[in-house]
Protein backbone atom coordinates (compact mmCIF):
# COMPACT_ATOMS: atom_id res chain seq x y z
CA MET A 1 73.30 97.02 108.95
CA ASP A 2 74.43 99.48 106.27
CA ALA A 3 74.38 97.58 102.98
CA LYS A 4 77.77 99.06 102.06
CA LYS A 5 79.39 97.24 104.98
CA GLU A 6 78.12 93.84 103.85
CA PHE A 7 80.62 93.83 101.00
CA ARG A 8 84.38 93.68 100.95
CA PRO A 9 85.10 96.43 98.41
CA THR A 10 86.55 95.34 95.12
CA VAL A 11 88.68 98.48 94.88
CA SER A 12 90.00 101.02 97.35
CA ILE A 13 90.64 104.34 95.62
CA ILE A 14 93.33 106.15 97.58
CA ILE A 15 93.58 109.93 97.20
CA PRO A 16 96.48 111.64 98.96
CA PHE A 17 96.37 115.41 99.28
CA TYR A 18 98.42 118.18 100.81
CA ASN A 19 97.11 121.67 100.10
CA GLU A 20 94.05 120.88 98.00
CA ASP A 21 90.86 122.32 99.46
CA GLU A 22 87.34 120.91 99.47
CA TYR A 23 86.61 122.52 96.10
CA GLN A 24 89.59 120.86 94.42
CA LEU A 25 88.83 117.51 96.03
CA MET A 26 85.24 117.80 94.91
CA ILE A 27 86.37 117.73 91.27
CA ALA A 28 88.24 114.45 91.70
CA LEU A 29 85.52 112.91 93.88
CA SER A 30 82.72 113.97 91.55
CA SER A 31 84.42 112.20 88.65
CA ILE A 32 84.18 109.03 90.76
CA ASN A 33 80.65 109.65 92.05
CA TYR A 34 79.20 109.90 88.54
CA GLN A 35 80.74 106.70 87.21
CA ILE A 36 78.22 104.43 85.49
CA GLY A 37 77.75 100.70 85.19
CA ILE A 38 79.22 99.79 88.58
CA ASP A 39 77.98 98.81 92.03
CA PHE A 40 79.26 101.52 94.37
CA ARG A 41 79.15 99.09 97.29
CA GLU A 42 82.29 97.64 95.70
CA VAL A 43 84.15 100.95 95.88
CA GLU A 44 85.64 102.71 98.88
CA ILE A 45 87.33 106.10 98.83
CA ILE A 46 90.21 106.83 101.18
CA LEU A 47 91.30 110.45 101.56
CA VAL A 48 94.75 110.75 103.13
CA GLY A 49 95.69 114.20 104.43
CA ASP A 50 99.48 114.39 104.20
CA GLY A 51 100.03 117.31 106.54
CA GLY A 52 99.08 120.64 104.98
CA LYS A 53 95.41 121.50 104.86
CA LYS A 54 93.11 119.64 107.24
CA LEU A 55 89.48 119.06 106.34
CA LYS A 56 87.01 120.21 108.99
CA SER A 57 84.57 117.44 108.11
CA LEU A 58 83.27 115.40 105.19
CA ASP A 59 79.97 117.29 105.17
CA ASP A 60 80.87 119.16 101.99
CA PHE A 61 80.94 115.82 100.18
CA SER A 62 77.54 114.62 101.41
CA VAL A 63 76.02 115.40 98.01
CA LEU A 64 78.19 112.65 96.55
CA ASN A 65 75.72 110.02 97.69
CA ASN A 66 77.31 107.17 95.76
CA LEU A 67 80.58 107.36 97.66
CA ASN A 68 81.74 105.63 100.81
CA ILE A 69 84.47 108.04 101.96
CA ARG A 70 86.96 107.46 104.75
CA TYR A 71 89.36 110.18 105.81
CA LYS A 72 92.53 110.21 107.87
CA TYR A 73 94.77 113.19 108.54
CA PHE A 74 98.47 112.87 109.35
CA THR A 75 100.24 115.86 110.90
CA ASN A 76 103.67 115.09 109.49
CA SER A 77 103.95 115.21 105.71
CA GLY A 78 105.76 112.22 104.27
CA GLY A 79 105.11 112.94 100.62
CA ALA A 80 102.73 111.31 98.16
CA GLY A 81 104.34 107.89 98.44
CA VAL A 82 104.06 107.72 102.21
CA ALA A 83 100.48 108.98 102.01
CA ARG A 84 99.60 106.25 99.52
CA GLN A 85 101.20 103.65 101.77
CA ARG A 86 99.13 104.91 104.70
CA GLY A 87 96.05 104.66 102.54
CA MET A 88 96.88 101.07 101.64
CA GLU A 89 97.16 100.21 105.32
CA MET A 90 93.63 101.53 105.84
CA ALA A 91 92.19 99.93 102.71
CA LYS A 92 89.83 96.95 102.68
CA GLY A 93 89.57 96.39 98.93
CA ARG A 94 90.91 93.54 96.81
CA TYR A 95 92.61 96.11 94.59
CA TYR A 96 94.33 99.43 95.18
CA MET A 97 93.88 102.38 92.85
CA PHE A 98 95.60 105.73 93.25
CA VAL A 99 94.08 109.03 92.15
CA ASP A 100 95.86 112.34 92.67
CA ALA A 101 93.77 115.05 94.30
CA ASP A 102 94.28 117.40 91.34
CA ASP A 103 93.21 114.88 88.69
CA GLU A 104 89.99 113.20 87.61
CA PHE A 105 88.64 110.26 85.63
CA TYR A 106 88.54 110.89 81.90
CA TYR A 107 84.98 109.71 81.35
CA ASP A 108 82.05 108.23 83.25
CA GLY A 109 82.73 104.66 82.18
CA ALA A 110 86.35 104.58 83.35
CA LEU A 111 85.86 102.37 86.40
CA GLN A 112 83.63 99.99 84.50
CA GLU A 113 86.62 99.21 82.25
CA PHE A 114 88.45 97.76 85.26
CA PHE A 115 85.42 96.02 86.75
CA ASP A 116 84.77 94.27 83.44
CA VAL A 117 88.26 92.81 83.61
CA VAL A 118 88.10 91.50 87.19
CA LYS A 119 84.64 90.00 86.69
CA LYS A 120 86.36 87.43 84.49
CA GLY A 121 89.08 86.69 87.04
CA ASP A 122 91.73 88.29 89.21
CA HIS A 123 94.94 89.77 87.80
CA GLU A 124 98.06 91.14 89.43
CA VAL A 125 98.11 94.54 87.73
CA ILE A 126 95.71 96.26 85.33
CA VAL A 127 97.06 99.22 83.35
CA ALA A 128 95.08 101.65 81.18
CA LYS A 129 95.81 104.74 79.07
CA TYR A 130 95.61 108.35 80.22
CA ILE A 131 95.14 111.89 78.93
CA GLU A 132 97.79 114.48 79.80
CA GLN A 133 96.79 118.13 80.03
CA GLY A 134 99.58 120.59 79.32
CA ARG A 135 99.77 124.35 79.16
CA ASN A 136 101.11 126.53 76.36
CA ALA A 137 103.09 129.72 76.93
CA ASP A 138 100.00 131.79 76.16
CA GLY A 139 98.04 130.08 78.94
CA SER A 140 95.94 127.87 76.70
CA TYR A 141 95.80 124.13 77.28
CA PHE A 142 96.67 121.20 75.06
CA TYR A 143 95.99 117.49 75.48
CA LEU A 144 98.08 114.42 74.77
CA HIS A 145 96.61 110.94 74.43
CA ASN A 146 99.27 108.75 76.02
CA ASP A 147 99.79 105.02 75.90
CA PRO A 148 99.87 103.11 79.19
CA VAL A 149 102.94 104.00 81.23
CA TRP A 150 104.40 101.48 83.66
CA SER A 151 106.12 104.01 85.92
CA ALA A 152 103.30 106.31 87.13
CA ALA A 153 100.60 105.69 89.73
CA TYR A 154 97.60 106.74 87.70
CA ALA A 155 95.27 104.57 85.59
CA LYS A 156 96.17 101.32 87.33
CA TRP A 157 94.73 98.69 89.65
CA PHE A 158 97.12 96.74 91.86
CA ASN A 159 95.99 93.42 93.31
CA ARG A 160 96.23 93.52 97.09
CA ASP A 161 97.26 89.87 97.50
CA TYR A 162 99.97 90.28 94.85
CA VAL A 163 101.33 93.45 96.48
CA GLU A 164 101.50 91.74 99.87
CA ARG A 165 103.03 88.58 98.45
CA MET A 166 105.81 90.56 96.78
CA GLY A 167 106.32 92.80 99.81
CA LEU A 168 105.85 95.93 97.71
CA HIS A 169 105.60 99.24 99.52
CA TRP A 170 106.06 102.93 98.84
CA LEU A 171 109.49 104.21 99.83
CA ASP A 172 109.54 106.51 102.85
CA ASP A 173 112.82 108.28 102.05
CA VAL A 174 112.29 109.05 98.35
CA ARG A 175 109.80 111.87 97.69
CA ILE A 176 110.58 112.27 93.99
CA PHE A 177 110.38 109.31 91.58
CA GLU A 178 108.62 107.37 94.34
CA ASP A 179 105.97 106.17 91.89
CA VAL A 180 108.63 104.91 89.48
CA TYR A 181 109.81 102.51 92.17
CA PHE A 182 106.43 101.16 93.25
CA CYS A 183 104.68 101.05 89.89
CA ALA A 184 107.61 99.89 87.77
CA MET A 185 108.42 97.24 90.35
CA ALA A 186 104.82 96.01 90.41
CA VAL A 187 104.75 95.66 86.62
CA GLU A 188 108.28 94.25 86.36
CA LEU A 189 107.66 91.45 88.85
CA ALA A 190 104.15 90.59 87.68
CA SER A 191 103.41 87.56 85.54
CA ASP A 192 99.81 88.65 84.91
CA VAL A 193 99.39 92.20 83.64
CA VAL A 194 96.33 93.33 81.69
CA TRP A 195 96.88 96.29 79.35
CA LEU A 196 93.65 98.14 78.58
CA ASP A 197 93.30 99.91 75.25
CA SER A 198 91.17 102.62 76.85
CA PHE A 199 91.70 106.18 78.10
CA VAL A 200 90.40 106.28 81.65
CA TYR A 201 92.33 108.98 83.53
CA SER A 202 93.07 112.69 83.09
CA TRP A 203 96.39 113.94 84.42
CA LEU A 204 95.46 117.60 84.78
CA TYR A 205 97.91 120.48 84.64
CA ASN A 206 98.92 121.82 88.06
CA GLU A 207 101.88 124.17 88.18
CA LYS A 208 102.44 123.26 91.84
CA SER A 209 102.57 119.51 91.33
CA THR A 210 105.75 117.57 92.15
CA VAL A 211 106.62 117.18 88.48
CA ARG A 212 105.92 120.78 87.42
CA ASP A 213 106.75 122.98 90.41
CA PRO A 214 110.11 124.70 89.66
CA ALA A 215 110.87 124.87 93.38
CA LEU A 216 110.99 121.07 93.59
CA LYS A 217 113.46 120.81 90.67
CA PHE A 218 111.99 117.45 89.69
CA ASN A 219 114.03 116.91 86.53
CA ILE A 220 117.40 117.64 88.11
CA ARG A 221 116.98 115.61 91.29
CA LEU A 222 119.03 112.82 89.80
CA ASP A 223 120.33 111.90 93.24
CA GLN A 224 116.77 110.82 94.07
CA TRP A 225 116.64 108.82 90.85
CA ALA A 226 119.88 107.03 91.83
CA LYS A 227 118.57 106.35 95.34
CA MET A 228 115.30 104.98 93.97
CA ASN A 229 117.25 102.81 91.54
CA LYS A 230 119.31 101.38 94.41
CA TYR A 231 116.12 100.17 96.09
CA TYR A 232 114.75 98.97 92.76
CA LEU A 233 117.77 96.77 92.05
CA ARG A 234 117.76 95.52 95.64
CA LYS A 235 114.19 94.29 95.19
CA ILE A 236 114.96 92.76 91.79
CA LYS A 237 117.86 90.87 93.37
CA GLU A 238 115.46 89.48 95.97
CA LYS A 239 112.46 88.64 93.79
CA ALA A 240 113.74 88.23 90.21
CA PRO A 241 117.54 87.75 90.25
CA GLN A 242 117.48 86.53 86.65
CA LYS A 243 116.64 90.11 85.61
CA LEU A 244 119.27 91.81 87.74
CA ALA A 245 122.16 91.93 85.25
CA PHE A 246 120.04 93.52 82.52
CA ASP A 247 118.37 96.01 84.86
CA PHE A 248 121.72 97.04 86.33
CA GLY A 249 123.28 97.57 82.90
CA ASN A 250 120.22 99.42 81.68
CA SER A 251 120.28 101.72 84.72
CA ILE A 252 123.84 102.79 83.91
CA ALA A 253 122.98 103.62 80.29
CA THR A 254 119.75 105.38 81.25
CA LEU A 255 121.42 107.62 83.84
CA PHE A 256 124.01 108.60 81.21
CA TYR A 257 121.20 110.04 79.08
CA TRP A 258 119.39 111.56 82.07
CA GLU A 259 122.49 113.54 82.98
CA LYS A 260 122.63 114.95 79.46
CA LYS A 261 118.92 115.65 79.32
CA ASN A 262 118.76 117.42 82.70
CA PRO A 263 121.77 119.70 83.21
CA GLY A 264 121.97 121.57 86.48
CA TYR A 265 121.81 118.56 88.80
CA ASP A 266 123.96 118.45 91.93
CA GLU A 267 126.96 116.36 90.92
CA LYS A 268 128.12 115.73 94.48
CA THR A 269 124.82 114.37 95.78
CA LEU A 270 124.31 112.32 92.60
CA ASP A 271 127.79 110.80 92.91
CA HIS A 272 127.09 109.90 96.54
CA GLU A 273 123.84 108.06 95.78
CA GLN A 274 125.18 106.45 92.62
CA GLN A 275 128.22 105.23 94.52
CA LEU A 276 125.99 103.49 97.07
CA MET A 277 124.07 101.76 94.27
CA LEU A 278 127.26 100.72 92.48
CA LYS A 279 128.88 99.28 95.59
CA GLU A 280 125.77 97.21 96.34
CA ASN A 281 126.11 95.68 92.89
CA ALA A 282 129.89 95.66 92.52
CA ASP A 283 129.93 92.01 91.40
CA LEU A 284 127.95 92.96 88.28
CA TRP A 285 130.24 95.69 86.99
CA GLY A 286 132.59 93.59 84.90
CA SER A 287 129.97 91.20 83.53
CA THR A 288 127.46 93.82 82.36
CA GLN A 289 129.64 96.04 80.17
CA ASP A 290 128.12 94.54 77.01
CA ILE A 291 124.61 95.16 78.32
CA MET A 292 125.49 98.79 79.03
CA GLN A 293 126.74 99.26 75.46
CA GLN A 294 123.71 97.49 73.99
CA GLN A 295 121.30 99.63 75.98
CA LEU A 296 123.24 102.77 75.09
CA GLN A 297 122.58 101.97 71.42
CA ALA A 298 119.00 100.81 72.00
CA LEU A 299 118.11 104.11 73.68
CA HIS A 300 119.80 105.99 70.82
CA GLN A 301 117.66 104.57 68.02
CA PRO A 302 115.98 106.91 65.51
CA GLY A 303 112.71 108.18 66.89
CA SER A 304 113.75 107.88 70.53
CA GLU A 305 113.95 110.90 72.80
CA TYR A 306 117.72 110.40 73.05
CA GLU A 307 118.58 109.97 69.36
CA ASN A 308 120.29 113.35 69.02
CA TYR A 309 122.47 113.15 72.10
CA ASP A 310 126.24 112.80 71.73
CA ILE A 311 127.33 109.39 73.04
CA SER A 312 131.03 109.67 72.23
CA ASP A 313 131.83 110.37 75.88
CA PHE A 314 130.14 107.23 77.23
CA SER A 315 133.53 105.64 77.94
CA LYS A 316 134.44 108.68 80.05
CA TYR A 317 131.15 108.31 81.91
CA LEU A 318 131.91 104.63 82.58
CA ALA A 319 135.39 105.51 83.85
CA HIS A 320 133.86 107.98 86.31
CA SER A 321 131.36 105.35 87.47
CA GLU A 322 134.16 102.83 87.96
CA LYS A 323 136.10 105.36 90.00
CA LEU A 324 133.07 105.81 92.24
CA LEU A 325 132.76 102.06 92.60
CA LYS A 326 136.37 101.55 93.63
CA SER A 327 136.82 104.60 95.85
């Protein structure tokens, strides 16, 4: 019997891709293949083709002799979230890890950082730091060393048993901000999160990525943010109702700033999705006004990204939200 099959993998690394070719995938896969200090029998790689380009075979990756690669192609594209969910359904590991096809590990000891943690005992979520590659107007690149972020898929391990126990899944009708829902929910509901003080992941610049492609209008799809938030609050109500009032009030204040930060959004579609969220939580409207005001001020503190925004029209914003709620 193949020795790799004698082990239940510790981690399943799920890599969704759409139009990336074998060359691009080789970069991400190579950064895994050359990891040090780990037993590769404890790692499985799951490539999920989300429509788009279809690989002819895995032969091009045969040189990556440390990797146990499984590949499944789906004709209909459901977006990165759906592809990750499909990968989870195929996975055998105790933990899930998500790597984008246009990214790579930051250094060759990245996976060992996670393995060192789980050797001492299981945890619900493990979160590490990441490097962000950006591009200047002249075409040169710059790099930011970012602290752990709770709302993105990269640089994290999610415990399989915990995910199943909480009934967490990737949304199938939200293709933008889908990672905010899954990842933020996983961290929010967890009672056992390990925060690693290590940079393990490189979020590489790709002008065609969901976040950066102008055609996808990521920053102004606030209707998708409101829809995601509706599902988020629904799950909080089910699993952690003691947090619902704060999270609802905070969502109102946060969207106020997002509207200011990202002009050009479709007001009609945003109002529609926000109305659905408000009506689901109508009983909280009157009792969370203080929380909304507190979070408005908290997000406006010196040094925050919102400190220079005018907040004098917040009462007008609340009146509009109340009109949506009652109409």
